[in-house]
Protein backbone atom coordinates (compact mmCIF):
# COMPACT_ATOMS: atom_id res chain seq x y z
CA UNK A 1 5.97 223.34 222.23
CA UNK A 2 7.28 221.11 224.98
CA UNK A 3 10.75 222.65 224.59
CA UNK A 4 9.30 226.13 224.97
CA UNK A 5 7.39 225.09 228.07
CA UNK A 6 10.53 223.45 229.49
CA UNK A 7 12.58 226.60 228.83
CA UNK A 8 9.90 228.79 230.39
CA UNK A 9 9.77 226.58 233.47
CA UNK A 10 13.56 226.56 233.69
CA UNK A 11 13.74 230.36 233.51
CA UNK A 12 11.01 230.68 236.12
CA UNK A 13 12.82 228.35 238.48
CA UNK A 14 16.05 230.29 237.95
CA UNK A 15 14.30 233.55 238.83
CA UNK A 16 12.71 231.86 241.83
CA UNK A 17 16.11 230.63 243.01
CA UNK A 18 17.74 234.00 242.38
CA UNK A 19 15.10 235.87 244.38
CA UNK A 20 15.47 233.42 247.27
CA UNK A 21 19.10 234.41 247.72
CA UNK A 22 18.69 238.13 247.10
CA UNK A 23 17.68 239.85 250.31
CA UNK A 24 18.64 243.03 252.11
CA UNK A 25 20.23 243.24 255.54
CA UNK A 26 17.01 244.79 256.89
CA UNK A 27 15.03 241.75 255.70
CA UNK A 28 17.52 239.41 257.38
CA UNK A 29 17.20 241.20 260.73
CA UNK A 30 13.40 241.30 260.53
CA UNK A 31 13.41 237.60 259.59
CA UNK A 32 15.52 236.76 262.64
CA UNK A 33 13.12 238.72 264.85
CA UNK A 34 10.16 236.83 263.35
CA UNK A 35 11.96 233.53 263.95
CA UNK A 36 12.58 234.31 267.64
CA UNK A 37 9.03 235.55 268.27
CA UNK A 38 7.52 232.50 266.59
CA UNK A 39 9.82 230.17 268.57
CA UNK A 40 8.84 231.80 271.88
CA UNK A 41 5.11 231.43 271.18
CA UNK A 42 5.62 227.87 270.01
CA UNK A 43 7.50 226.99 273.21
CA UNK A 44 4.76 228.56 275.33
CA UNK A 45 2.14 226.43 273.59
CA UNK A 46 4.19 223.29 274.17
CA UNK A 47 4.74 224.21 277.83
CA UNK A 48 0.99 223.99 278.44
CA UNK A 49 1.15 220.26 277.60
CA UNK A 50 3.87 219.35 280.11
CA UNK A 51 2.73 217.13 283.01
CA UNK A 52 5.87 217.24 285.10
CA UNK A 53 8.39 219.51 283.39
CA UNK A 54 12.01 218.35 283.51
CA UNK A 55 15.28 219.40 281.95
CA UNK A 56 15.03 216.67 279.32
CA UNK A 57 11.49 217.71 278.51
CA UNK A 58 12.51 221.33 278.01
CA UNK A 59 15.52 220.28 275.93
CA UNK A 60 13.49 218.09 273.59
CA UNK A 61 10.77 220.72 273.41
CA UNK A 62 13.39 223.28 272.41
CA UNK A 63 14.69 221.00 269.67
CA UNK A 64 11.17 220.30 268.44
CA UNK A 65 10.30 224.01 268.53
CA UNK A 66 13.48 224.93 266.67
CA UNK A 67 12.74 222.36 263.96
CA UNK A 68 9.12 223.47 263.46
CA UNK A 69 10.08 227.15 263.56
CA UNK A 70 12.87 226.57 261.04
CA UNK A 71 10.45 224.79 258.73
CA UNK A 72 8.04 227.71 259.00
CA UNK A 73 10.84 230.22 258.24
CA UNK A 74 12.09 228.17 255.28
CA UNK A 75 8.59 227.90 253.82
CA UNK A 76 8.06 231.65 254.16
CA UNK A 77 11.40 232.57 252.64
CA UNK A 78 11.83 230.01 249.85
CA UNK A 79 8.21 229.30 248.89
CA UNK A 80 6.08 232.33 249.78
CA UNK A 81 8.44 235.30 249.35
CA UNK A 82 9.43 234.44 245.73
CA UNK A 83 5.75 233.88 244.87
CA UNK A 84 4.87 237.30 246.23
CA UNK A 85 7.70 239.02 244.35
CA UNK A 86 6.95 237.23 241.06
CA UNK A 87 3.15 237.19 241.05
CA UNK A 88 1.55 239.64 243.46
CA UNK A 89 3.90 242.57 244.03
CA UNK A 90 4.78 243.41 240.39
CA UNK A 91 2.40 246.10 239.17
CA UNK A 92 0.04 245.41 242.07
CA UNK A 93 -1.64 242.42 240.43
CA UNK A 94 -4.01 241.37 243.20
CA UNK A 95 -6.94 240.04 241.08
CA UNK A 96 -7.14 236.37 240.20
CA UNK A 97 -3.57 235.96 241.45
CA UNK A 98 -4.84 236.59 244.98
CA UNK A 99 -7.13 233.57 244.84
CA UNK A 100 -4.27 231.52 243.40
CA UNK A 101 -2.12 232.66 246.30
CA UNK A 102 -4.78 231.61 248.84
CA UNK A 103 -4.97 228.15 247.31
CA UNK A 104 -1.18 227.94 247.15
CA UNK A 105 -0.78 228.79 250.83
CA UNK A 106 -3.51 226.30 251.81
CA UNK A 107 -1.49 223.54 250.16
CA UNK A 108 1.71 224.75 251.82
CA UNK A 109 -0.03 224.80 255.21
CA UNK A 110 -1.14 221.20 254.84
CA UNK A 111 2.34 220.18 253.69
CA UNK A 112 3.99 221.89 256.64
CA UNK A 113 1.56 220.29 259.09
CA UNK A 114 2.20 216.87 257.54
CA UNK A 115 5.95 217.31 258.10
CA UNK A 116 5.35 218.51 261.66
CA UNK A 117 3.19 215.51 262.56
CA UNK A 118 5.70 213.06 261.14
CA UNK A 119 8.46 214.71 263.13
CA UNK A 120 6.30 214.26 266.23
CA UNK A 121 6.27 210.50 265.63
CA UNK A 122 10.07 210.52 265.90
CA UNK A 123 9.98 212.32 269.27
CA UNK A 124 10.60 209.99 272.23
CA UNK A 125 8.23 211.94 274.52
CA UNK A 126 4.58 211.43 273.64
CA UNK A 127 3.72 214.56 275.61
CA UNK A 128 5.01 216.54 272.64
CA UNK A 129 2.67 214.85 270.18
CA UNK A 130 -0.10 217.33 269.46
CA UNK A 131 -2.54 214.46 268.81
CA UNK A 132 -2.38 213.35 272.46
CA UNK A 133 -2.80 216.44 274.62
CA UNK A 134 -3.36 216.24 278.38
CA UNK A 135 -5.35 218.99 280.09
CA UNK A 136 -5.45 219.50 283.87
CA UNK A 137 -8.94 220.20 285.22
CA UNK A 138 -9.67 222.57 288.08
CA UNK A 139 -10.37 219.66 290.47
CA UNK A 140 -6.99 218.10 289.73
CA UNK A 141 -8.20 215.40 287.42
CA UNK A 142 -6.37 214.87 284.16
CA UNK A 143 -8.19 214.70 280.87
CA UNK A 144 -6.55 213.39 277.70
CA UNK A 145 -7.77 214.65 274.38
CA UNK A 146 -7.50 212.24 271.48
CA UNK A 147 -7.58 213.94 268.07
CA UNK A 148 -7.66 211.96 264.86
CA UNK A 149 -4.88 212.21 262.32
CA UNK A 150 -7.12 213.66 259.60
CA UNK A 151 -8.69 216.19 261.95
CA UNK A 152 -5.31 217.28 263.28
CA UNK A 153 -3.95 217.54 259.75
CA UNK A 154 -6.81 219.79 258.60
CA UNK A 155 -6.95 222.00 261.70
CA UNK A 156 -3.19 222.33 262.04
CA UNK A 157 -2.74 222.89 258.31
CA UNK A 158 -5.28 225.72 258.35
CA UNK A 159 -3.54 227.29 261.37
CA UNK A 160 -0.24 227.17 259.50
CA UNK A 161 -1.95 228.76 256.49
CA UNK A 162 -3.22 231.63 258.64
CA UNK A 163 0.34 232.23 259.81
CA UNK A 164 1.46 232.26 256.17
CA UNK A 165 -1.22 234.87 255.40
CA UNK A 166 -0.14 237.06 258.30
CA UNK A 167 3.50 236.79 257.25
CA UNK A 168 2.63 237.62 253.64
CA UNK A 169 0.51 240.59 254.72
CA UNK A 170 3.36 241.93 256.85
CA UNK A 171 5.84 241.39 254.02
CA UNK A 172 3.66 243.17 251.45
CA UNK A 173 3.10 246.07 253.86
CA UNK A 174 6.81 246.32 254.58
CA UNK A 175 7.66 246.08 250.87
CA UNK A 176 5.17 248.84 250.09
CA UNK A 177 6.81 251.13 252.65
CA UNK A 178 10.26 250.40 251.27
CA UNK A 179 9.09 251.02 247.70
CA UNK A 180 7.47 254.28 248.76
CA UNK A 181 10.67 255.46 250.42
CA UNK A 182 12.71 254.49 247.38
CA UNK A 183 10.29 256.33 245.12
CA UNK A 184 10.50 259.45 247.29
CA UNK A 185 14.28 259.22 247.24
CA UNK A 186 14.29 258.84 243.45
CA UNK A 187 11.93 261.81 243.13
CA UNK A 188 14.26 263.92 245.29
CA UNK A 189 17.22 262.80 243.19
CA UNK A 190 15.34 263.67 240.00
CA UNK A 191 14.38 267.08 241.38
CA UNK A 192 17.96 267.76 242.42
CA UNK A 193 19.19 266.65 239.01
CA UNK A 194 16.66 268.87 237.26
CA UNK A 195 17.57 271.89 239.37
CA UNK A 196 21.26 271.26 238.78
CA UNK A 197 20.73 270.97 235.03
CA UNK A 198 18.95 274.31 235.03
CA UNK A 199 22.27 275.97 235.85
CA UNK A 200 23.92 274.80 232.62
CA UNK A 201 22.43 277.41 230.24
CA UNK A 202 22.82 280.07 232.96
CA UNK A 203 26.52 279.34 233.30
CA UNK A 204 27.10 279.02 229.54
CA UNK A 205 25.41 282.36 228.90
CA UNK A 206 27.71 284.17 231.36
CA UNK A 207 30.86 282.48 230.06
CA UNK A 208 30.07 283.25 226.41
CA UNK A 209 29.36 286.88 227.32
CA UNK A 210 32.85 287.12 228.77
CA UNK A 211 34.40 285.67 225.61
CA UNK A 212 32.28 287.95 223.40
CA UNK A 213 33.64 291.00 225.21
CA UNK A 214 37.22 289.78 224.74
CA UNK A 215 36.88 289.26 220.99
CA UNK A 216 36.83 293.03 220.40
CA UNK A 217 39.66 293.70 222.87
CA UNK A 218 42.21 290.93 222.33
CA UNK A 219 41.62 288.03 219.95
CA UNK A 220 44.53 286.02 221.32
CA UNK A 221 43.10 286.25 224.81
CA UNK A 222 39.68 285.29 223.46
CA UNK A 223 41.16 282.17 221.82
CA UNK A 224 42.95 281.21 225.04
CA UNK A 225 39.78 281.75 226.99
CA UNK A 226 37.86 279.44 224.66
CA UNK A 227 40.45 276.75 225.47
CA UNK A 228 39.97 277.39 229.18
CA UNK A 229 36.22 277.26 228.71
CA UNK A 230 36.47 273.84 227.09
CA UNK A 231 38.50 272.63 230.07
CA UNK A 232 35.95 274.09 232.43
CA UNK A 233 33.09 272.38 230.62
CA UNK A 234 34.90 269.07 230.87
CA UNK A 235 34.86 269.40 234.67
CA UNK A 236 31.40 270.92 234.62
CA UNK A 237 29.74 268.13 232.61
CA UNK A 238 31.21 265.49 234.88
CA UNK A 239 30.29 267.30 238.07
CA UNK A 240 26.65 268.10 237.37
CA UNK A 241 25.79 264.38 237.04
CA UNK A 242 25.70 264.06 240.83
CA UNK A 243 23.57 266.13 243.21
CA UNK A 244 26.31 266.55 245.83
CA UNK A 245 29.99 267.40 245.51
CA UNK A 246 32.84 268.03 247.90
CA UNK A 247 34.04 271.55 248.56
CA UNK A 248 37.32 270.62 246.86
CA UNK A 249 35.50 269.67 243.64
CA UNK A 250 33.38 272.80 243.81
CA UNK A 251 36.47 274.98 244.17
CA UNK A 252 38.14 273.24 241.23
CA UNK A 253 35.25 274.25 238.94
CA UNK A 254 34.90 277.74 240.43
CA UNK A 255 38.62 278.43 240.09
CA UNK A 256 38.46 277.54 236.39
CA UNK A 257 35.64 280.04 235.96
CA UNK A 258 37.59 282.68 237.87
CA UNK A 259 40.55 282.22 235.55
CA UNK A 260 38.27 282.94 232.58
CA UNK A 261 36.88 286.05 234.27
CA UNK A 262 40.41 287.07 235.24
CA UNK A 263 41.32 287.38 231.56
CA UNK A 264 38.48 289.82 231.01
CA UNK A 265 38.58 291.82 234.23
CA UNK A 266 42.34 291.66 234.89
CA UNK A 267 43.25 293.76 237.95
CA UNK A 268 39.65 294.85 238.45
CA UNK A 269 39.05 291.46 240.10
CA UNK A 270 40.70 291.09 243.52
CA UNK A 271 40.35 287.83 245.43
CA UNK A 272 40.39 287.06 249.12
CA UNK A 273 40.36 283.27 249.73
CA UNK A 274 40.16 281.78 253.21
CA UNK A 275 39.46 278.04 253.11
CA UNK A 276 39.60 275.92 256.25
CA UNK A 277 41.68 272.82 255.52
CA UNK A 278 39.35 270.57 257.51
CA UNK A 279 36.40 271.26 255.22
CA UNK A 280 37.66 270.19 251.80
CA UNK A 281 35.75 266.90 251.89
CA UNK A 282 32.47 268.33 253.19
CA UNK A 283 29.50 267.93 250.83
CA UNK A 284 27.27 270.64 249.38
CA UNK A 285 24.90 270.86 246.38
CA UNK A 286 26.78 270.59 243.11
CA UNK A 287 27.63 273.92 241.42
CA UNK A 288 26.72 275.89 244.56
CA UNK A 289 30.03 277.71 244.78
CA UNK A 290 30.08 278.39 241.03
CA UNK A 291 26.56 279.86 241.23
CA UNK A 292 27.54 282.26 244.02
CA UNK A 293 30.78 283.26 242.31
CA UNK A 294 28.96 283.93 239.02
CA UNK A 295 26.38 286.13 240.74
CA UNK A 296 29.06 288.04 242.63
CA UNK A 297 31.02 288.88 239.48
CA UNK A 298 28.09 289.48 237.13
CA UNK A 299 25.94 291.64 239.43
CA UNK A 300 28.55 293.06 241.78
CA UNK A 301 32.09 293.46 240.45
CA UNK A 302 31.75 293.59 236.65
CA UNK A 303 29.46 296.69 236.61
CA UNK A 304 31.98 298.68 238.70
CA UNK A 305 34.47 300.69 236.57
CA UNK A 306 37.15 300.32 239.22
CA UNK A 307 36.31 296.65 239.85
CA UNK A 308 36.02 295.19 243.31
CA UNK A 309 36.87 292.48 245.77
CA UNK A 310 35.49 288.93 245.84
CA UNK A 311 35.92 286.93 249.03
CA UNK A 312 35.29 283.21 249.52
CA UNK A 313 35.52 281.69 252.98
CA UNK A 314 34.80 278.31 254.53
CA UNK A 315 34.79 277.88 258.28
CA UNK A 316 33.48 275.39 260.83
CA UNK A 317 30.70 276.44 263.17
CA UNK A 318 28.70 274.69 265.87
CA UNK A 319 27.09 271.52 264.42
CA UNK A 320 28.25 272.27 260.91
CA UNK A 321 30.17 274.61 258.64
CA UNK A 322 29.67 277.74 256.54
CA UNK A 323 30.52 278.72 253.00
CA UNK A 324 30.62 282.51 252.57
CA UNK A 325 30.81 284.33 249.24
CA UNK A 326 30.78 288.13 249.20
CA UNK A 327 31.61 290.93 246.84
CA UNK A 328 31.94 294.68 246.53
CA UNK A 329 29.03 296.47 244.92
CA UNK A 330 27.79 299.94 244.05
CA UNK A 331 24.73 300.68 246.14
CA UNK A 332 21.99 298.12 245.45
CA UNK A 333 23.28 297.08 242.00
CA UNK A 334 24.07 293.55 243.11
CA UNK A 335 20.47 292.96 244.13
CA UNK A 336 19.31 293.35 240.52
CA UNK A 337 18.67 290.28 238.39
CA UNK A 338 16.26 287.38 238.34
CA UNK A 339 17.89 285.62 241.31
CA UNK A 340 17.42 282.33 239.47
CA UNK A 341 20.65 280.94 240.87
CA UNK A 342 19.85 281.76 244.51
CA UNK A 343 16.30 280.47 244.19
CA UNK A 344 17.61 277.27 242.62
CA UNK A 345 20.15 276.85 245.41
CA UNK A 346 17.50 277.35 248.12
CA UNK A 347 15.34 274.64 246.56
CA UNK A 348 18.23 272.18 246.40
CA UNK A 349 19.14 272.83 250.03
CA UNK A 350 15.51 272.21 251.03
CA UNK A 351 15.53 268.82 249.26
CA UNK A 352 18.62 267.60 251.12
CA UNK A 353 18.26 265.67 254.40
CA UNK A 354 19.30 267.62 257.47
CA UNK A 355 19.07 271.26 258.45
CA UNK A 356 20.67 273.67 255.97
CA UNK A 357 20.11 277.36 255.35
CA UNK A 358 21.03 280.21 253.03
CA UNK A 359 21.32 283.78 254.30
CA UNK A 360 21.66 286.93 252.20
CA UNK A 361 23.26 290.02 253.73
CA UNK A 362 22.89 293.01 251.36
CA UNK A 363 24.61 296.20 252.49
CA UNK A 364 25.38 299.55 250.90
CA UNK A 365 28.81 298.69 249.48
CA UNK A 366 28.95 294.93 249.74
CA UNK A 367 26.78 291.87 249.21
CA UNK A 368 27.31 288.57 251.01
CA UNK A 369 25.68 285.13 250.83
CA UNK A 370 26.23 282.53 253.56
CA UNK A 371 25.36 278.85 253.21
CA UNK A 372 25.26 276.94 256.49
CA UNK A 373 25.32 273.15 256.27
CA UNK A 374 25.49 270.23 258.65
CA UNK A 375 28.95 268.67 258.78
CA UNK A 376 29.53 264.97 258.20
CA UNK A 377 32.89 264.78 259.96
CA UNK A 378 35.66 267.30 260.47
CA UNK A 379 38.31 264.70 261.36
CA UNK A 380 40.03 264.25 258.01
CA UNK A 381 43.31 262.53 257.34
CA UNK A 382 46.37 264.47 256.25
CA UNK A 383 46.38 262.62 252.92
CA UNK A 384 42.79 263.67 252.23
CA UNK A 385 43.67 267.30 252.98
CA UNK A 386 46.60 267.22 250.59
CA UNK A 387 44.50 265.72 247.80
CA UNK A 388 41.58 268.09 248.31
CA UNK A 389 43.45 271.37 248.74
CA UNK A 390 43.90 273.44 245.56
CA UNK A 391 47.46 273.65 244.39
CA UNK A 392 49.64 276.65 245.08
CA UNK A 393 49.78 277.40 241.36
CA UNK A 394 46.00 277.68 241.19
CA UNK A 395 45.90 280.08 244.12
CA UNK A 396 48.73 282.15 242.70
CA UNK A 397 47.13 282.26 239.28
CA UNK A 398 43.84 283.55 240.62
CA UNK A 399 44.94 285.70 243.53
CA UNK A 400 47.55 287.62 241.58
CA UNK A 401 45.74 289.04 238.55
CA UNK A 402 48.77 290.47 236.80
CA UNK A 403 47.88 289.46 233.27
CA UNK A 404 47.56 292.18 230.65
C-alpha cells in the first residue's frame, strides 16, 4: 500500500513539475506584465515609508521590491498555477476543491509573509522593515507605529492570500476564454471537415457515371479510366483531410478529374486555362476547384451534343484574388440540379476567417462562378512558383483533347 501511495505521489509531483514548465508565450507576456505592475505598486507602498529619500534608499528598496515580487511570481507560477490546472480547472470541479484551495492559499500566504519578514531582517535600512513604520502627521510630528511579529504575520499573510485569490481568479477567467476560443476553433474545423467530407459521395457518383458510360463505348478506355480514378482518389483522400489547400494542390486534383472526363467527352471538352503564377500558393477551401469543375461539366458541357468550353482563371485583385470557373451552356440548363456543391462551398467560405465571397453569373449561353478571397501574400519565390505550377505535360494533356 505504501508503494502504491509513493508511486501516486511521485506521478503527481511529475505532473506538477511538467505543468510548471509548460506555458504559452501569451502566458509569459501576461506574467511579465503582472510582475511589473506588482513591482510598481510595491515600490509605491515602500516610498510612503521613506523619511528622507536618497539614492541608496531607492536602490535598496528596488532590490527588496524585486525580491518580494519575484517570490510572489514564483509562488503563483509554481505553487498555485499547477494546483489550478490539476484540481480546479479539469471538468470544472469547484465544489469541495474550492474550500481546499482557499485553505491552501491561506497557508501559502503565511509562508510568503514569513519569508518576506525574514528578508526584512537582513535589510540594513530599518525604514524598510514593515514592522516599524513611520507616519508623518499634518503638524509635522513623526509617529512610529510598532506592530508585533504575530500581528504582522497574520495581517500580511492574509493580504498575500488575497493577492493569490485575485491572481487565481484572473488566471481562471483567462483560461476559460482561451478554452472557449479553442473550442470554437475546433467546432469550425469540425464543421469544415464535415462539409468537405460531404463532397466525397458527390464526386464518386459523378466519376462512376463517367466510367459507366465508357463501358458500353470502349472497354479499354474504361479500364484505363479506372486506373486514373484510383490515382485521383489517392490525391483526393489525402487532400480532404485538411480544410484548406493551395491553388496548386487544388489544380492537381482537378486536372486528374479533367483527364477522366476527357476520355469520355473527347473533343467535346475544350479548355481555356489562365492561371496567374503568383497565386499558386494561395489558400482556398479544399476541393473548391474540383466542385466547380464538376458542376460545369455535369450541368453545362456534358448535356450539349456539340460540347462546350470550360474556362478556369485565377487573377489578383485589390486586397485579394479571384478564382473564376465558367462554362458554355444551353439556355438555363446549367442552373438545374440540387446546387449541393455551391451551397457547401458558400458555407465553408463563411466559416473561414476574413472576408470571402462567391458570385454566380448565369447568362443565356454561359454560366460563371467567381470566388473572391483575401490574399495572404503575393510575393512568392521563384522556386515556389516552379514547384506549384502544373507541368507542361499536364497542360498539354488536358488542353489538347485529341484522344479517340
